[in-house]
Amino acid sequence: MGARQIAGGLLRRAAPRTVEALETLPGLVGQLRADLSDLRRRTEETAQELTSARAEVAALRADVGTLRADLDAARVRGGVADDAIAGLHGRVGELEAGVADLDAGLAESRRLSRQVAQMTDLVFDRLGGPPAGTAGQ
């Protein structure tokens, strides 16, 4: 037997678990290499997903910017509409006051027209009747 074989035999007898652990070491290294390869593959997939997610977030941010601009424009248009509505409300108040004045003027005109009609009837009654000086004869 060679020195190597004698040393191996002594080592196996003296530390059987150590030799057993050393014999399983290549299998463990192979498993670790396979796990590492799998982790690298999953890391690359995750990096690609992350890149895709970043692109989606950038697109969403652009959409949010557009939505904010649209909202600001809508607020401006809403403010203009509110101002227009307030102006129309004030104008309606003015028109209602004008209509009330017209109604009052029309009522006054009707009253005066009735008085004129009554006076006209009185005048025609006197003109059509006997003379005022001959009424007692």
Protein backbone atom coordinates (compact mmCIF):
# COMPACT_ATOMS: atom_id res chain seq x y z
CA MET A 1 0.00 0.00 0.00
CA GLY A 2 1.03 3.46 -0.70
CA ALA A 3 1.39 6.27 1.78
CA ARG A 4 -1.62 7.93 0.41
CA GLN A 5 -3.79 4.89 0.87
CA ILE A 6 -2.51 4.38 4.41
CA ALA A 7 -3.21 8.02 5.27
CA GLY A 8 -6.66 7.73 3.72
CA GLY A 9 -7.41 4.57 5.70
CA LEU A 10 -6.22 6.14 8.96
CA LEU A 11 -8.27 9.25 8.28
CA ARG A 12 -11.35 7.16 7.56
CA ARG A 13 -10.96 5.27 10.81
CA ALA A 14 -10.12 8.35 12.90
CA ALA A 15 -12.68 10.76 11.49
CA PRO A 16 -15.34 8.88 9.57
CA ARG A 17 -17.80 11.81 9.60
CA THR A 18 -15.23 14.22 8.23
CA VAL A 19 -14.43 11.92 5.35
CA GLU A 20 -18.12 11.39 4.74
CA ALA A 21 -18.65 15.17 4.72
CA LEU A 22 -15.73 15.58 2.32
CA GLU A 23 -17.17 12.93 0.02
CA THR A 24 -20.57 14.70 -0.08
CA LEU A 25 -18.93 18.08 -0.66
CA PRO A 26 -18.82 17.83 -4.50
CA GLY A 27 -22.58 17.09 -4.52
CA LEU A 28 -23.23 20.09 -2.29
CA VAL A 29 -21.05 22.30 -4.48
CA GLY A 30 -22.97 21.10 -7.55
CA GLN A 31 -26.27 21.83 -5.83
CA LEU A 32 -25.04 25.30 -4.79
CA ARG A 33 -23.93 25.99 -8.37
CA ALA A 34 -27.38 24.94 -9.65
CA ASP A 35 -29.09 27.12 -7.01
CA LEU A 36 -26.82 30.03 -7.90
CA SER A 37 -27.63 29.61 -11.59
CA ASP A 38 -31.35 29.55 -10.76
CA LEU A 39 -30.98 32.67 -8.60
CA ARG A 40 -29.15 34.46 -11.43
CA ARG A 41 -31.92 33.53 -13.86
CA ARG A 42 -34.63 34.73 -11.46
CA THR A 43 -32.65 37.92 -10.79
CA GLU A 44 -32.51 38.63 -14.52
CA GLU A 45 -36.27 38.00 -14.82
CA THR A 46 -36.92 40.29 -11.86
CA ALA A 47 -34.69 42.96 -13.39
CA GLN A 48 -36.66 42.73 -16.64
CA GLU A 49 -39.94 42.95 -14.74
CA LEU A 50 -38.59 45.92 -12.82
CA THR A 51 -37.59 47.65 -16.05
CA SER A 52 -41.06 47.00 -17.44
CA ALA A 53 -42.67 48.26 -14.23
CA ARG A 54 -40.53 51.42 -14.37
CA ALA A 55 -41.70 52.06 -17.92
CA GLU A 56 -45.32 51.59 -16.81
CA VAL A 57 -44.80 53.97 -13.87
CA ALA A 58 -43.28 56.56 -16.22
CA ALA A 59 -46.31 56.23 -18.51
CA LEU A 60 -48.66 56.54 -15.54
CA ARG A 61 -46.81 59.66 -14.37
CA ALA A 62 -47.22 61.16 -17.82
CA ASP A 63 -50.93 60.30 -17.68
CA VAL A 64 -51.18 61.89 -14.23
CA GLY A 65 -49.54 65.04 -15.62
CA THR A 66 -52.06 65.13 -18.46
CA LEU A 67 -54.93 64.54 -16.04
CA ARG A 68 -53.70 67.35 -13.80
CA ALA A 69 -53.51 69.70 -16.77
CA ASP A 70 -57.03 68.69 -17.82
CA LEU A 71 -58.28 69.16 -14.27
CA ASP A 72 -56.70 72.61 -14.06
CA ALA A 73 -58.29 73.55 -17.38
CA ALA A 74 -61.65 72.22 -16.16
CA ARG A 75 -61.29 74.27 -12.98
CA VAL A 76 -60.62 77.38 -15.05
CA ARG A 77 -63.62 76.64 -17.26
CA GLY A 78 -65.68 75.97 -14.12
CA GLY A 79 -64.62 79.32 -12.71
CA VAL A 80 -65.55 81.04 -15.95
CA ALA A 81 -68.88 79.21 -15.94
CA ASP A 82 -69.48 80.22 -12.31
CA ASP A 83 -68.75 83.84 -13.21
CA ALA A 84 -71.11 83.62 -16.18
CA ILE A 85 -73.83 82.07 -14.02
CA ALA A 86 -73.39 84.80 -11.41
CA GLY A 87 -73.61 87.41 -14.17
CA LEU A 88 -76.73 85.77 -15.57
CA HIS A 89 -78.24 85.59 -12.10
CA GLY A 90 -77.63 89.33 -11.65
CA ARG A 91 -79.07 90.00 -15.11
CA VAL A 92 -82.16 87.93 -14.28
CA GLY A 93 -82.61 90.06 -11.16
CA GLU A 94 -82.38 93.19 -13.30
CA LEU A 95 -84.84 91.77 -15.81
CA GLU A 96 -87.26 90.83 -13.02
CA ALA A 97 -87.04 94.37 -11.67
CA GLY A 98 -87.64 95.72 -15.20
CA VAL A 99 -90.66 93.44 -15.65
CA ALA A 100 -92.01 94.59 -12.29
CA ASP A 101 -91.61 98.22 -13.42
CA LEU A 102 -93.34 97.40 -16.69
CA ASP A 103 -96.16 95.66 -14.81
CA ALA A 104 -96.56 98.70 -12.57
CA GLY A 105 -96.48 101.01 -15.61
CA LEU A 106 -99.03 98.84 -17.40
CA ALA A 107 -101.31 98.85 -14.36
CA GLU A 108 -101.00 102.65 -14.16
CA SER A 109 -101.67 102.90 -17.90
CA ARG A 110 -104.79 100.72 -17.55
CA ARG A 111 -106.03 102.83 -14.64
CA LEU A 112 -105.51 106.02 -16.63
CA SER A 113 -107.11 104.44 -19.69
CA ARG A 114 -110.20 103.54 -17.59
CA GLN A 115 -110.40 107.11 -16.34
CA VAL A 116 -110.16 108.43 -19.90
CA ALA A 117 -112.89 105.98 -20.97
CA GLN A 118 -115.10 107.09 -18.07
CA MET A 119 -114.51 110.77 -18.92
CA THR A 120 -115.23 110.06 -22.59
CA ASP A 121 -118.48 108.30 -21.66
CA LEU A 122 -119.44 111.26 -19.48
CA VAL A 123 -118.69 113.76 -22.25
CA PHE A 124 -120.65 111.79 -24.83
CA ASP A 125 -123.54 111.37 -22.40
CA ARG A 126 -123.67 115.14 -21.92
CA LEU A 127 -123.29 115.80 -25.62
CA GLY A 128 -126.05 113.39 -26.51
CA GLY A 129 -128.43 114.52 -23.80
CA PRO A 130 -130.60 117.70 -23.57
CA PRO A 131 -128.78 121.00 -23.18
CA ALA A 132 -127.83 121.85 -19.66
CA GLY A 133 -129.91 125.05 -19.56
CA THR A 134 -133.15 123.36 -20.73
CA ALA A 135 -133.20 120.53 -18.30
CA GLY A 136 -135.61 122.27 -15.95
CA GLN A 137 -138.15 123.50 -18.58
